[in-house]
């Protein structure tokens, strides 16, 4: 995926999805992210599943790689 494609994929995300993606790519675990954002772990899971689908990637690791390629991490 080119940096331009990665940036386009990231632009489709909501601000909260983008925030969860960045924190995930930075290495924070689901419980840590939930605490930081004052959300439940299930909500974090929902954001993750939504951005995986929107970015058209197979898993969380690919989503983090796209975030890196887009330059948001």
C-alpha atoms as a PDB file:
ATOM      1  CA  UNK A   1       0.000   0.000   0.000  1.00  0.00           C
ATOM      2  CA  UNK A   2       1.381   3.379  -0.969  1.00  0.00           C
ATOM      3  CA  UNK A   3       1.497   6.230   1.552  1.00  0.00           C
ATOM      4  CA  UNK A   4      -1.257   7.946  -0.434  1.00  0.00           C
ATOM      5  CA  UNK A   5      -3.475   4.852  -0.227  1.00  0.00           C
ATOM      6  CA  UNK A   6      -2.757   4.591   3.489  1.00  0.00           C
ATOM      7  CA  UNK A   7      -3.663   8.242   4.049  1.00  0.00           C
ATOM      8  CA  UNK A   8      -6.901   7.769   2.091  1.00  0.00           C
ATOM      9  CA  UNK A   9      -7.791   4.717   4.216  1.00  0.00           C
ATOM     10  CA  UNK A  10      -7.145   6.609   7.448  1.00  0.00           C
ATOM     11  CA  UNK A  11      -9.233   9.589   6.293  1.00  0.00           C
ATOM     12  CA  UNK A  12     -12.325   7.361   6.220  1.00  0.00           C
ATOM     13  CA  UNK A  13     -12.151   6.861   9.989  1.00  0.00           C
ATOM     14  CA  UNK A  14     -14.024   8.803  12.628  1.00  0.00           C
ATOM     15  CA  UNK A  15     -11.898  10.827  15.046  1.00  0.00           C
ATOM     16  CA  UNK A  16     -12.492   8.266  17.819  1.00  0.00           C
ATOM     17  CA  UNK A  17     -11.579   5.350  15.530  1.00  0.00           C
ATOM     18  CA  UNK A  18      -8.418   7.195  14.527  1.00  0.00           C
ATOM     19  CA  UNK A  19      -7.566   7.805  18.181  1.00  0.00           C
ATOM     20  CA  UNK A  20      -8.025   4.112  19.028  1.00  0.00           C
ATOM     21  CA  UNK A  21      -5.944   3.131  16.004  1.00  0.00           C
ATOM     22  CA  UNK A  22      -3.083   5.436  16.978  1.00  0.00           C
ATOM     23  CA  UNK A  23      -3.057   4.198  20.573  1.00  0.00           C
ATOM     24  CA  UNK A  24      -3.163   0.600  19.375  1.00  0.00           C
ATOM     25  CA  UNK A  25      -0.303   1.189  16.948  1.00  0.00           C
ATOM     26  CA  UNK A  26       1.670   2.796  19.784  1.00  0.00           C
ATOM     27  CA  UNK A  27       1.430  -0.497  21.654  1.00  0.00           C
ATOM     28  CA  UNK A  28      -1.293   0.185  24.171  1.00  0.00           C
ATOM     29  CA  UNK A  29      -3.519  -2.778  25.058  1.00  0.00           C
ATOM     30  CA  UNK A  30      -7.302  -2.751  24.995  1.00  0.00           C
ATOM     31  CA  UNK A  31      -7.755  -2.254  28.780  1.00  0.00           C
ATOM     32  CA  UNK A  32      -5.269   0.616  28.775  1.00  0.00           C
ATOM     33  CA  UNK A  33      -6.994   2.324  25.859  1.00  0.00           C
ATOM     34  CA  UNK A  34     -10.389   1.870  27.500  1.00  0.00           C
ATOM     35  CA  UNK A  35      -9.115   3.505  30.689  1.00  0.00           C
ATOM     36  CA  UNK A  36      -7.433   6.388  28.841  1.00  0.00           C
ATOM     37  CA  UNK A  37     -10.537   7.153  26.779  1.00  0.00           C
ATOM     38  CA  UNK A  38     -13.050   6.477  29.579  1.00  0.00           C
ATOM     39  CA  UNK A  39     -14.778   3.836  27.459  1.00  0.00           C
ATOM     40  CA  UNK A  40     -15.525   0.151  27.996  1.00  0.00           C
ATOM     41  CA  UNK A  41     -13.306  -2.522  26.517  1.00  0.00           C
ATOM     42  CA  UNK A  42     -16.257  -3.625  24.375  1.00  0.00           C
ATOM     43  CA  UNK A  43     -16.451  -0.117  22.905  1.00  0.00           C
ATOM     44  CA  UNK A  44     -12.742  -0.270  22.058  1.00  0.00           C
ATOM     45  CA  UNK A  45     -13.347  -3.640  20.383  1.00  0.00           C
ATOM     46  CA  UNK A  46     -16.199  -2.103  18.380  1.00  0.00           C
ATOM     47  CA  UNK A  47     -13.984   0.766  17.210  1.00  0.00           C
ATOM     48  CA  UNK A  48     -11.259  -1.695  16.226  1.00  0.00           C
ATOM     49  CA  UNK A  49     -13.626  -3.904  14.257  1.00  0.00           C
ATOM     50  CA  UNK A  50     -15.098  -0.861  12.527  1.00  0.00           C
ATOM     51  CA  UNK A  51     -11.757   0.538  11.404  1.00  0.00           C
ATOM     52  CA  UNK A  52     -10.497  -2.857  10.269  1.00  0.00           C
ATOM     53  CA  UNK A  53     -13.559  -3.136   8.038  1.00  0.00           C
ATOM     54  CA  UNK A  54     -13.423   0.492   6.823  1.00  0.00           C
ATOM     55  CA  UNK A  55      -9.709   0.277   6.011  1.00  0.00           C
ATOM     56  CA  UNK A  56     -10.270  -3.006   4.147  1.00  0.00           C
ATOM     57  CA  UNK A  57      -7.552  -4.859   6.046  1.00  0.00           C
ATOM     58  CA  UNK A  58      -7.612  -8.343   7.517  1.00  0.00           C
ATOM     59  CA  UNK A  59      -6.551  -7.697  11.085  1.00  0.00           C
ATOM     60  CA  UNK A  60      -5.314  -5.270  13.692  1.00  0.00           C
ATOM     61  CA  UNK A  61      -1.671  -5.717  12.697  1.00  0.00           C
ATOM     62  CA  UNK A  62      -2.386  -4.679   9.117  1.00  0.00           C
ATOM     63  CA  UNK A  63      -4.375  -1.689  10.346  1.00  0.00           C
ATOM     64  CA  UNK A  64      -1.402  -0.589  12.464  1.00  0.00           C
ATOM     65  CA  UNK A  65       0.909  -0.987   9.468  1.00  0.00           C
ATOM     66  CA  UNK A  66      -1.400   1.221   7.400  1.00  0.00           C
ATOM     67  CA  UNK A  67      -1.412   3.798  10.199  1.00  0.00           C
ATOM     68  CA  UNK A  68       2.370   3.814  10.102  1.00  0.00           C
ATOM     69  CA  UNK A  69       2.437   4.148   6.339  1.00  0.00           C
ATOM     70  CA  UNK A  70      -0.028   7.040   6.588  1.00  0.00           C
ATOM     71  CA  UNK A  71       2.277   8.783   9.025  1.00  0.00           C
ATOM     72  CA  UNK A  72      -0.205   9.113  11.885  1.00  0.00           C
ATOM     73  CA  UNK A  73       1.913   7.099  14.301  1.00  0.00           C
END
